[in-house]
């Protein structure tokens, strides 16, 4: 009983953390060399508004989501299950739009029983 409650709470917290990270990462910044960068070795950053994020994953006992295979969810929509306490066992995240060279995604995960 306690284990199922713990799993449910952990799953909900993981989904909440994922959603908050997607919401607060919508202002993607790309590093762009300025004209004076060659002279003083500084890098200028500017906001890029036409970059988006899309993602898909694998939910415990349900399989790949969203269906059909190959479809993606676009941020900040939810990915996973609601009220079922199921683990998100895998995730694929991609940047969309006019992505500058060298732009990437940073993320952190928690592995069950490992940390």
N, C-alpha and C. Protein backbone atom coordinates (compact mmCIF):
# COMPACT_ATOMS: atom_id res chain seq x y z
N UNK A 1 0.81 -1.19 0.00
CA UNK A 1 0.00 0.00 0.00
C UNK A 1 0.86 1.26 0.00
N UNK A 2 1.85 1.31 0.94
CA UNK A 2 2.71 2.48 1.02
C UNK A 2 3.53 2.62 -0.25
N UNK A 3 3.95 1.48 -0.82
CA UNK A 3 4.77 1.53 -2.04
C UNK A 3 3.98 2.09 -3.21
N UNK A 4 2.71 1.73 -3.34
CA UNK A 4 1.91 2.23 -4.45
C UNK A 4 1.63 3.73 -4.28
N UNK A 5 1.43 4.18 -3.04
CA UNK A 5 1.23 5.61 -2.80
C UNK A 5 2.51 6.37 -3.12
N UNK A 6 3.65 5.81 -2.71
CA UNK A 6 4.94 6.44 -2.99
C UNK A 6 5.19 6.52 -4.50
N UNK A 7 4.87 5.45 -5.22
CA UNK A 7 5.03 5.46 -6.68
C UNK A 7 4.14 6.51 -7.33
N UNK A 8 2.91 6.60 -6.85
CA UNK A 8 1.97 7.57 -7.39
C UNK A 8 2.47 9.00 -7.18
N UNK A 9 2.92 9.28 -5.97
CA UNK A 9 3.43 10.61 -5.67
C UNK A 9 4.69 10.90 -6.46
N UNK A 10 5.59 9.92 -6.54
CA UNK A 10 6.83 10.09 -7.30
C UNK A 10 6.54 10.34 -8.77
N UNK A 11 5.60 9.60 -9.34
CA UNK A 11 5.24 9.79 -10.74
C UNK A 11 4.67 11.17 -11.00
N UNK A 12 3.82 11.62 -10.12
CA UNK A 12 3.22 12.94 -10.27
C UNK A 12 4.26 14.04 -10.14
N UNK A 13 5.18 13.86 -9.19
CA UNK A 13 6.25 14.86 -9.03
C UNK A 13 7.16 14.90 -10.25
N UNK A 14 7.44 13.73 -10.83
CA UNK A 14 8.28 13.68 -12.03
C UNK A 14 7.60 14.39 -13.20
N UNK A 15 6.31 14.15 -13.37
CA UNK A 15 5.57 14.81 -14.45
C UNK A 15 5.52 16.32 -14.21
N UNK A 16 5.29 16.72 -12.96
CA UNK A 16 5.26 18.15 -12.62
C UNK A 16 6.62 18.79 -12.90
N UNK A 17 7.70 18.12 -12.51
CA UNK A 17 9.04 18.63 -12.76
C UNK A 17 9.31 18.76 -14.25
N UNK A 18 8.91 17.77 -15.02
CA UNK A 18 9.09 17.82 -16.47
C UNK A 18 8.31 18.98 -17.07
N UNK A 19 7.07 19.16 -16.63
CA UNK A 19 6.25 20.24 -17.17
C UNK A 19 6.81 21.61 -16.79
N UNK A 20 7.24 21.76 -15.55
CA UNK A 20 7.81 23.04 -15.14
C UNK A 20 9.08 23.35 -15.91
N UNK A 21 9.89 22.33 -16.15
CA UNK A 21 11.12 22.59 -16.91
C UNK A 21 10.80 22.98 -18.35
N UNK A 22 9.74 22.42 -18.92
CA UNK A 22 9.35 22.79 -20.28
C UNK A 22 8.80 24.21 -20.31
N UNK A 23 8.01 24.57 -19.30
CA UNK A 23 7.41 25.90 -19.26
C UNK A 23 8.47 26.97 -19.10
N UNK A 24 9.41 26.75 -18.19
CA UNK A 24 10.41 27.77 -17.91
C UNK A 24 11.57 27.75 -18.88
N UNK A 25 11.62 26.78 -19.79
CA UNK A 25 12.70 26.75 -20.77
C UNK A 25 12.23 27.23 -22.14
N UNK A 26 11.07 27.88 -22.22
CA UNK A 26 10.57 28.34 -23.52
C UNK A 26 11.39 29.49 -24.07
N UNK A 27 12.08 30.24 -23.22
CA UNK A 27 12.96 31.31 -23.70
C UNK A 27 14.33 30.74 -24.00
N UNK A 28 14.47 30.10 -25.14
CA UNK A 28 15.73 29.46 -25.50
C UNK A 28 16.70 30.53 -25.98
N UNK A 29 17.92 30.46 -25.51
CA UNK A 29 18.95 31.40 -25.91
C UNK A 29 20.01 30.66 -26.70
N UNK A 30 20.39 31.24 -27.80
CA UNK A 30 21.42 30.64 -28.64
C UNK A 30 22.65 31.52 -28.60
N UNK A 31 23.80 30.90 -28.50
CA UNK A 31 25.05 31.66 -28.51
C UNK A 31 25.39 32.02 -29.96
N UNK A 32 25.62 33.29 -30.19
CA UNK A 32 25.93 33.77 -31.52
C UNK A 32 27.20 34.61 -31.44
N UNK A 33 28.12 34.37 -32.34
CA UNK A 33 29.34 35.17 -32.34
C UNK A 33 29.02 36.58 -32.82
N UNK A 34 29.47 37.55 -32.06
CA UNK A 34 29.29 38.93 -32.48
C UNK A 34 30.44 39.31 -33.41
N UNK A 35 30.30 40.45 -34.09
CA UNK A 35 31.34 40.88 -35.02
C UNK A 35 32.65 41.16 -34.30
N UNK A 36 32.57 41.61 -33.05
CA UNK A 36 33.78 41.91 -32.30
C UNK A 36 34.29 40.70 -31.53
N UNK A 37 33.65 39.55 -31.69
CA UNK A 37 34.05 38.37 -30.94
C UNK A 37 35.46 37.91 -31.29
N UNK A 38 35.85 38.10 -32.54
CA UNK A 38 37.19 37.69 -32.94
C UNK A 38 38.24 38.52 -32.22
N UNK A 39 37.93 39.79 -31.94
CA UNK A 39 38.90 40.68 -31.31
C UNK A 39 39.00 40.46 -29.81
N UNK A 40 37.84 40.32 -29.12
CA UNK A 40 37.91 40.23 -27.66
C UNK A 40 37.44 38.89 -27.09
N UNK A 41 37.20 37.90 -27.92
CA UNK A 41 36.83 36.54 -27.50
C UNK A 41 35.58 36.50 -26.63
N UNK A 42 34.60 37.37 -26.87
CA UNK A 42 33.33 37.32 -26.14
C UNK A 42 32.27 36.73 -27.05
N UNK A 43 31.25 36.19 -26.43
CA UNK A 43 30.14 35.61 -27.18
C UNK A 43 28.88 36.37 -26.80
N UNK A 44 28.14 36.82 -27.79
CA UNK A 44 26.89 37.55 -27.58
C UNK A 44 25.74 36.56 -27.60
N UNK A 45 24.77 36.72 -26.71
CA UNK A 45 23.58 35.86 -26.73
C UNK A 45 22.37 36.72 -27.05
N UNK A 46 21.48 36.16 -27.84
CA UNK A 46 20.26 36.87 -28.19
C UNK A 46 19.12 35.87 -28.13
N UNK A 47 17.95 36.34 -27.76
CA UNK A 47 16.78 35.48 -27.65
C UNK A 47 16.33 35.06 -29.05
N UNK A 48 16.01 33.80 -29.19
CA UNK A 48 15.50 33.27 -30.45
C UNK A 48 14.08 32.82 -30.18
N UNK A 49 13.10 33.52 -30.75
CA UNK A 49 11.70 33.26 -30.40
C UNK A 49 11.04 32.19 -31.25
N UNK A 50 11.63 31.80 -32.35
CA UNK A 50 10.96 30.84 -33.22
C UNK A 50 11.50 29.43 -33.05
N UNK A 51 12.04 29.11 -31.88
CA UNK A 51 12.48 27.76 -31.58
C UNK A 51 11.44 27.14 -30.65
N UNK A 52 11.08 25.91 -30.93
CA UNK A 52 10.14 25.19 -30.08
C UNK A 52 10.73 23.88 -29.62
N UNK A 53 9.93 23.14 -28.88
CA UNK A 53 10.37 21.83 -28.40
C UNK A 53 9.24 20.84 -28.64
N UNK A 54 9.61 19.63 -29.00
CA UNK A 54 8.64 18.55 -29.15
C UNK A 54 9.21 17.32 -28.47
N UNK A 55 8.33 16.44 -27.98
CA UNK A 55 8.80 15.29 -27.25
C UNK A 55 7.81 14.15 -27.34
N UNK A 56 8.29 12.96 -27.09
CA UNK A 56 7.48 11.75 -27.02
C UNK A 56 8.13 10.83 -26.01
N UNK A 57 7.45 9.82 -25.55
CA UNK A 57 8.02 8.97 -24.52
C UNK A 57 7.41 7.58 -24.50
N UNK A 58 7.80 6.84 -23.46
CA UNK A 58 7.29 5.49 -23.24
C UNK A 58 6.78 5.43 -21.81
N UNK A 59 5.49 5.11 -21.64
CA UNK A 59 4.86 5.04 -20.33
C UNK A 59 4.71 3.58 -19.92
N UNK A 60 5.05 3.29 -18.66
CA UNK A 60 4.95 1.95 -18.11
C UNK A 60 3.58 1.34 -18.39
N UNK A 61 3.55 0.11 -18.88
CA UNK A 61 2.35 -0.68 -19.16
C UNK A 61 1.46 -0.12 -20.27
N UNK A 62 1.82 1.01 -20.87
CA UNK A 62 1.02 1.59 -21.96
C UNK A 62 1.77 1.59 -23.27
N UNK A 63 3.08 1.76 -23.21
CA UNK A 63 3.88 1.78 -24.42
C UNK A 63 4.21 3.20 -24.84
N UNK A 64 4.52 3.34 -26.12
CA UNK A 64 4.92 4.64 -26.65
C UNK A 64 3.74 5.59 -26.72
N UNK A 65 3.99 6.84 -26.34
CA UNK A 65 2.98 7.89 -26.42
C UNK A 65 3.62 9.12 -27.03
N UNK A 66 2.97 9.92 -27.79
CA UNK A 66 1.62 9.70 -28.30
C UNK A 66 1.61 8.72 -29.47
N UNK A 67 0.44 8.22 -29.75
CA UNK A 67 0.26 7.35 -30.91
C UNK A 67 -0.37 8.17 -32.02
N UNK A 68 -0.19 7.89 -33.27
CA UNK A 68 0.64 6.82 -33.81
C UNK A 68 2.13 7.12 -33.65
N UNK A 69 2.92 6.06 -33.79
CA UNK A 69 4.36 6.21 -33.67
C UNK A 69 4.85 7.28 -34.64
N UNK A 70 5.79 8.07 -34.19
CA UNK A 70 6.32 9.14 -35.01
C UNK A 70 5.73 10.50 -34.68
N UNK A 71 4.56 10.52 -34.02
CA UNK A 71 3.96 11.79 -33.60
C UNK A 71 4.66 12.31 -32.36
N UNK A 72 4.61 13.60 -32.16
CA UNK A 72 5.23 14.24 -31.01
C UNK A 72 4.22 15.14 -30.32
N UNK A 73 4.45 15.41 -29.04
CA UNK A 73 3.71 16.40 -28.27
C UNK A 73 4.54 17.67 -28.30
N UNK A 74 3.91 18.82 -28.48
CA UNK A 74 4.66 20.07 -28.48
C UNK A 74 4.47 20.77 -27.14
N UNK A 75 5.54 21.39 -26.65
CA UNK A 75 5.52 22.07 -25.35
C UNK A 75 4.54 23.22 -25.34
N UNK A 76 3.91 23.46 -24.25
CA UNK A 76 4.05 22.85 -22.93
C UNK A 76 3.00 21.78 -22.63
N UNK A 77 2.51 21.05 -23.61
CA UNK A 77 1.51 20.00 -23.37
C UNK A 77 2.12 18.88 -22.52
N UNK A 78 1.26 18.12 -21.83
CA UNK A 78 1.71 17.06 -20.95
C UNK A 78 2.06 15.79 -21.70
N UNK A 79 2.95 15.03 -21.11
CA UNK A 79 3.33 13.73 -21.63
C UNK A 79 3.30 12.77 -20.46
N UNK A 80 2.68 11.63 -20.60
CA UNK A 80 2.62 10.66 -19.52
C UNK A 80 1.19 10.24 -19.24
N UNK A 81 0.96 9.80 -18.00
CA UNK A 81 -0.38 9.40 -17.59
C UNK A 81 -0.80 10.25 -16.40
N UNK A 82 -2.08 10.41 -16.23
CA UNK A 82 -2.58 11.25 -15.13
C UNK A 82 -3.39 10.36 -14.18
N UNK A 83 -3.01 10.39 -12.90
CA UNK A 83 -3.74 9.67 -11.87
C UNK A 83 -3.54 8.17 -11.87
N UNK A 84 -2.57 7.67 -12.61
CA UNK A 84 -2.36 6.23 -12.67
C UNK A 84 -1.05 5.80 -11.99
N UNK A 85 -0.18 6.75 -11.68
CA UNK A 85 1.08 6.42 -11.01
C UNK A 85 2.02 5.59 -11.87
N UNK A 86 1.95 5.76 -13.18
CA UNK A 86 2.82 4.99 -14.07
C UNK A 86 4.10 5.76 -14.36
N UNK A 87 5.20 5.03 -14.50
CA UNK A 87 6.50 5.65 -14.77
C UNK A 87 6.61 6.09 -16.22
N UNK A 88 7.31 7.19 -16.41
CA UNK A 88 7.75 7.59 -17.74
C UNK A 88 9.10 6.92 -17.92
N UNK A 89 9.17 5.88 -18.75
CA UNK A 89 10.36 5.02 -18.82
C UNK A 89 11.34 5.45 -19.90
N UNK A 90 10.96 6.34 -20.75
CA UNK A 90 11.86 6.84 -21.78
C UNK A 90 11.30 8.11 -22.36
N UNK A 91 12.19 8.96 -22.86
CA UNK A 91 11.73 10.22 -23.45
C UNK A 91 12.68 10.63 -24.57
N UNK A 92 12.11 11.20 -25.60
CA UNK A 92 12.88 11.76 -26.71
C UNK A 92 12.45 13.21 -26.86
N UNK A 93 13.42 14.12 -26.80
CA UNK A 93 13.15 15.55 -26.86
C UNK A 93 13.90 16.13 -28.04
N UNK A 94 13.23 16.96 -28.83
CA UNK A 94 13.86 17.59 -30.00
C UNK A 94 13.51 19.07 -30.04
N UNK A 95 14.44 19.87 -30.53
CA UNK A 95 14.17 21.28 -30.81
C UNK A 95 13.54 21.38 -32.19
N UNK A 96 12.62 22.32 -32.37
CA UNK A 96 11.98 22.52 -33.66
C UNK A 96 12.14 23.97 -34.08
N UNK A 97 11.87 24.24 -35.33
CA UNK A 97 11.93 25.60 -35.84
C UNK A 97 13.30 25.93 -36.39
N UNK A 98 13.64 27.21 -36.32
CA UNK A 98 14.91 27.71 -36.86
C UNK A 98 15.99 27.56 -35.79
N UNK A 99 16.53 26.35 -35.67
CA UNK A 99 17.49 26.02 -34.62
C UNK A 99 18.90 26.38 -35.09
N UNK A 100 19.59 27.26 -34.37
CA UNK A 100 20.96 27.62 -34.75
C UNK A 100 21.92 26.44 -34.57
N UNK A 101 22.99 26.45 -35.32
CA UNK A 101 24.00 25.40 -35.20
C UNK A 101 24.56 25.43 -33.78
N UNK A 102 24.72 24.28 -33.20
CA UNK A 102 25.29 24.18 -31.87
C UNK A 102 24.28 24.29 -30.74
N UNK A 103 23.00 24.57 -31.05
CA UNK A 103 21.98 24.65 -30.00
C UNK A 103 21.65 23.24 -29.54
N UNK A 104 21.32 23.09 -28.28
CA UNK A 104 21.01 21.77 -27.75
C UNK A 104 20.03 21.85 -26.61
N UNK A 105 19.78 20.70 -26.00
CA UNK A 105 18.85 20.58 -24.89
C UNK A 105 19.60 20.01 -23.70
N UNK A 106 19.39 20.61 -22.53
CA UNK A 106 19.94 20.06 -21.29
C UNK A 106 18.80 19.50 -20.47
N UNK A 107 19.01 18.37 -19.84
CA UNK A 107 17.96 17.76 -19.03
C UNK A 107 18.60 16.93 -17.93
N UNK A 108 17.81 16.62 -16.93
CA UNK A 108 18.24 15.77 -15.82
C UNK A 108 17.14 14.75 -15.58
N UNK A 109 17.52 13.55 -15.16
CA UNK A 109 16.55 12.49 -14.89
C UNK A 109 16.85 11.86 -13.53
N UNK A 110 15.87 11.17 -12.99
CA UNK A 110 16.03 10.40 -11.77
C UNK A 110 15.77 8.95 -12.10
N UNK A 111 16.70 8.07 -11.78
CA UNK A 111 16.54 6.64 -12.02
C UNK A 111 16.06 5.99 -10.73
N UNK A 112 14.96 5.23 -10.84
CA UNK A 112 14.38 4.59 -9.66
C UNK A 112 15.41 3.73 -8.95
N UNK A 113 15.48 3.84 -7.64
CA UNK A 113 16.39 3.09 -6.77
C UNK A 113 17.87 3.44 -6.99
N UNK A 114 18.16 4.42 -7.81
CA UNK A 114 19.54 4.81 -8.07
C UNK A 114 19.78 6.27 -7.69
N UNK A 115 18.81 7.14 -8.01
CA UNK A 115 18.97 8.56 -7.72
C UNK A 115 19.09 9.38 -8.97
